[in-house]
Amino acid sequence: MVRTKNIPDTETTRMDAKRKKQGTKKILINIAVFIVSVSLWCAATYY
């Protein structure tokens, strides 16, 4: 097997995991912001 990159596999795996974790965190933050904004809008229209 010929390697074309000088980066060790563990480092690339770590970077991929970090990227995936950041993406998941952004999605969770977006969902939380959406729920809060919908709740505030419903409260404002109710009163």
N, C-alpha and C. Protein backbone atom coordinates (compact mmCIF):
# COMPACT_ATOMS: atom_id res chain seq x y z
N MET A 1 0.84 -1.19 0.00
CA MET A 1 0.00 0.00 0.00
C MET A 1 0.88 1.25 0.00
N VAL A 2 0.63 2.15 -0.91
CA VAL A 2 1.43 3.35 -1.03
C VAL A 2 0.70 4.50 -0.34
N ARG A 3 1.44 5.20 0.52
CA ARG A 3 0.84 6.35 1.21
C ARG A 3 1.13 7.62 0.42
N THR A 4 0.12 8.42 0.22
CA THR A 4 0.31 9.67 -0.51
C THR A 4 0.38 10.86 0.44
N LYS A 5 0.02 10.64 1.70
CA LYS A 5 0.07 11.73 2.68
C LYS A 5 1.13 11.43 3.73
N ASN A 6 1.69 12.49 4.30
CA ASN A 6 2.66 12.33 5.36
C ASN A 6 2.01 12.35 6.74
N ILE A 7 0.72 12.64 6.79
CA ILE A 7 0.02 12.74 8.06
C ILE A 7 -0.31 11.33 8.55
N PRO A 8 -0.04 11.03 9.81
CA PRO A 8 -0.40 9.71 10.33
C PRO A 8 -1.91 9.51 10.36
N ASP A 9 -2.33 8.25 10.29
CA ASP A 9 -3.76 7.93 10.28
C ASP A 9 -4.46 8.41 11.55
N THR A 10 -3.77 8.32 12.68
CA THR A 10 -4.42 8.72 13.94
C THR A 10 -4.73 10.21 13.93
N GLU A 11 -3.85 11.00 13.35
CA GLU A 11 -4.08 12.45 13.31
C GLU A 11 -5.25 12.79 12.39
N THR A 12 -5.33 12.15 11.24
CA THR A 12 -6.45 12.44 10.34
C THR A 12 -7.76 11.97 10.96
N THR A 13 -7.74 10.84 11.64
CA THR A 13 -8.94 10.35 12.31
C THR A 13 -9.37 11.33 13.39
N ARG A 14 -8.41 11.85 14.12
CA ARG A 14 -8.71 12.81 15.18
C ARG A 14 -9.32 14.08 14.58
N MET A 15 -8.76 14.55 13.47
CA MET A 15 -9.28 15.76 12.82
C MET A 15 -10.70 15.52 12.30
N ASP A 16 -10.93 14.35 11.72
CA ASP A 16 -12.28 14.03 11.23
C ASP A 16 -13.27 13.98 12.37
N ALA A 17 -12.88 13.38 13.49
CA ALA A 17 -13.77 13.31 14.65
C ALA A 17 -14.05 14.70 15.19
N LYS A 18 -13.03 15.56 15.19
CA LYS A 18 -13.21 16.92 15.69
C LYS A 18 -14.17 17.69 14.78
N ARG A 19 -14.00 17.54 13.47
CA ARG A 19 -14.88 18.21 12.52
C ARG A 19 -16.32 17.74 12.68
N LYS A 20 -16.49 16.43 12.85
CA LYS A 20 -17.83 15.87 13.01
C LYS A 20 -18.47 16.38 14.30
N LYS A 21 -17.67 16.47 15.37
CA LYS A 21 -18.19 16.95 16.65
C LYS A 21 -18.62 18.41 16.53
N GLN A 22 -17.82 19.23 15.83
CA GLN A 22 -18.18 20.63 15.64
C GLN A 22 -19.47 20.75 14.85
N GLY A 23 -19.63 19.93 13.83
CA GLY A 23 -20.85 19.95 13.03
C GLY A 23 -22.06 19.57 13.85
N THR A 24 -21.91 18.56 14.69
CA THR A 24 -23.02 18.13 15.55
C THR A 24 -23.37 19.22 16.54
N LYS A 25 -22.35 19.89 17.07
CA LYS A 25 -22.58 20.97 18.03
C LYS A 25 -23.34 22.12 17.37
N LYS A 26 -22.97 22.46 16.14
CA LYS A 26 -23.66 23.53 15.42
C LYS A 26 -25.12 23.18 15.18
N ILE A 27 -25.38 21.93 14.83
CA ILE A 27 -26.76 21.50 14.58
C ILE A 27 -27.58 21.60 15.86
N LEU A 28 -27.01 21.15 16.98
CA LEU A 28 -27.73 21.22 18.25
C LEU A 28 -28.00 22.66 18.66
N ILE A 29 -27.04 23.55 18.44
CA ILE A 29 -27.24 24.97 18.75
C ILE A 29 -28.34 25.54 17.88
N ASN A 30 -28.34 25.20 16.59
CA ASN A 30 -29.39 25.69 15.68
C ASN A 30 -30.77 25.21 16.10
N ILE A 31 -30.87 23.96 16.51
CA ILE A 31 -32.16 23.42 16.97
C ILE A 31 -32.62 24.16 18.22
N ALA A 32 -31.71 24.40 19.16
CA ALA A 32 -32.05 25.10 20.39
C ALA A 32 -32.51 26.53 20.09
N VAL A 33 -31.81 27.22 19.21
CA VAL A 33 -32.19 28.59 18.84
C VAL A 33 -33.55 28.60 18.17
N PHE A 34 -33.83 27.62 17.32
CA PHE A 34 -35.12 27.53 16.65
C PHE A 34 -36.24 27.33 17.66
N ILE A 35 -36.04 26.42 18.61
CA ILE A 35 -37.08 26.16 19.62
C ILE A 35 -37.33 27.40 20.47
N VAL A 36 -36.27 28.09 20.87
CA VAL A 36 -36.43 29.30 21.68
C VAL A 36 -37.15 30.38 20.89
N SER A 37 -36.79 30.56 19.63
CA SER A 37 -37.43 31.61 18.83
C SER A 37 -38.91 31.30 18.59
N VAL A 38 -39.25 30.04 18.34
CA VAL A 38 -40.65 29.66 18.16
C VAL A 38 -41.42 29.87 19.46
N SER A 39 -40.82 29.52 20.58
CA SER A 39 -41.47 29.71 21.88
C SER A 39 -41.73 31.18 22.15
N LEU A 40 -40.75 32.02 21.89
CA LEU A 40 -40.93 33.46 22.10
C LEU A 40 -42.00 34.02 21.17
N TRP A 41 -42.01 33.58 19.92
CA TRP A 41 -43.02 34.05 18.98
C TRP A 41 -44.41 33.63 19.43
N CYS A 42 -44.56 32.40 19.88
CA CYS A 42 -45.86 31.92 20.37
C CYS A 42 -46.30 32.70 21.60
N ALA A 43 -45.37 32.97 22.51
CA ALA A 43 -45.70 33.73 23.71
C ALA A 43 -46.11 35.15 23.35
N ALA A 44 -45.43 35.75 22.39
CA ALA A 44 -45.75 37.13 21.99
C ALA A 44 -47.11 37.19 21.31
N THR A 45 -47.45 36.22 20.50
CA THR A 45 -48.75 36.25 19.82
C THR A 45 -49.88 35.84 20.75
N TYR A 46 -49.59 35.04 21.76
CA TYR A 46 -50.62 34.61 22.70
C TYR A 46 -51.05 35.78 23.59
N TYR A 47 -50.08 36.60 24.03
CA TYR A 47 -50.40 37.73 24.91
C TYR A 47 -50.57 38.98 24.13
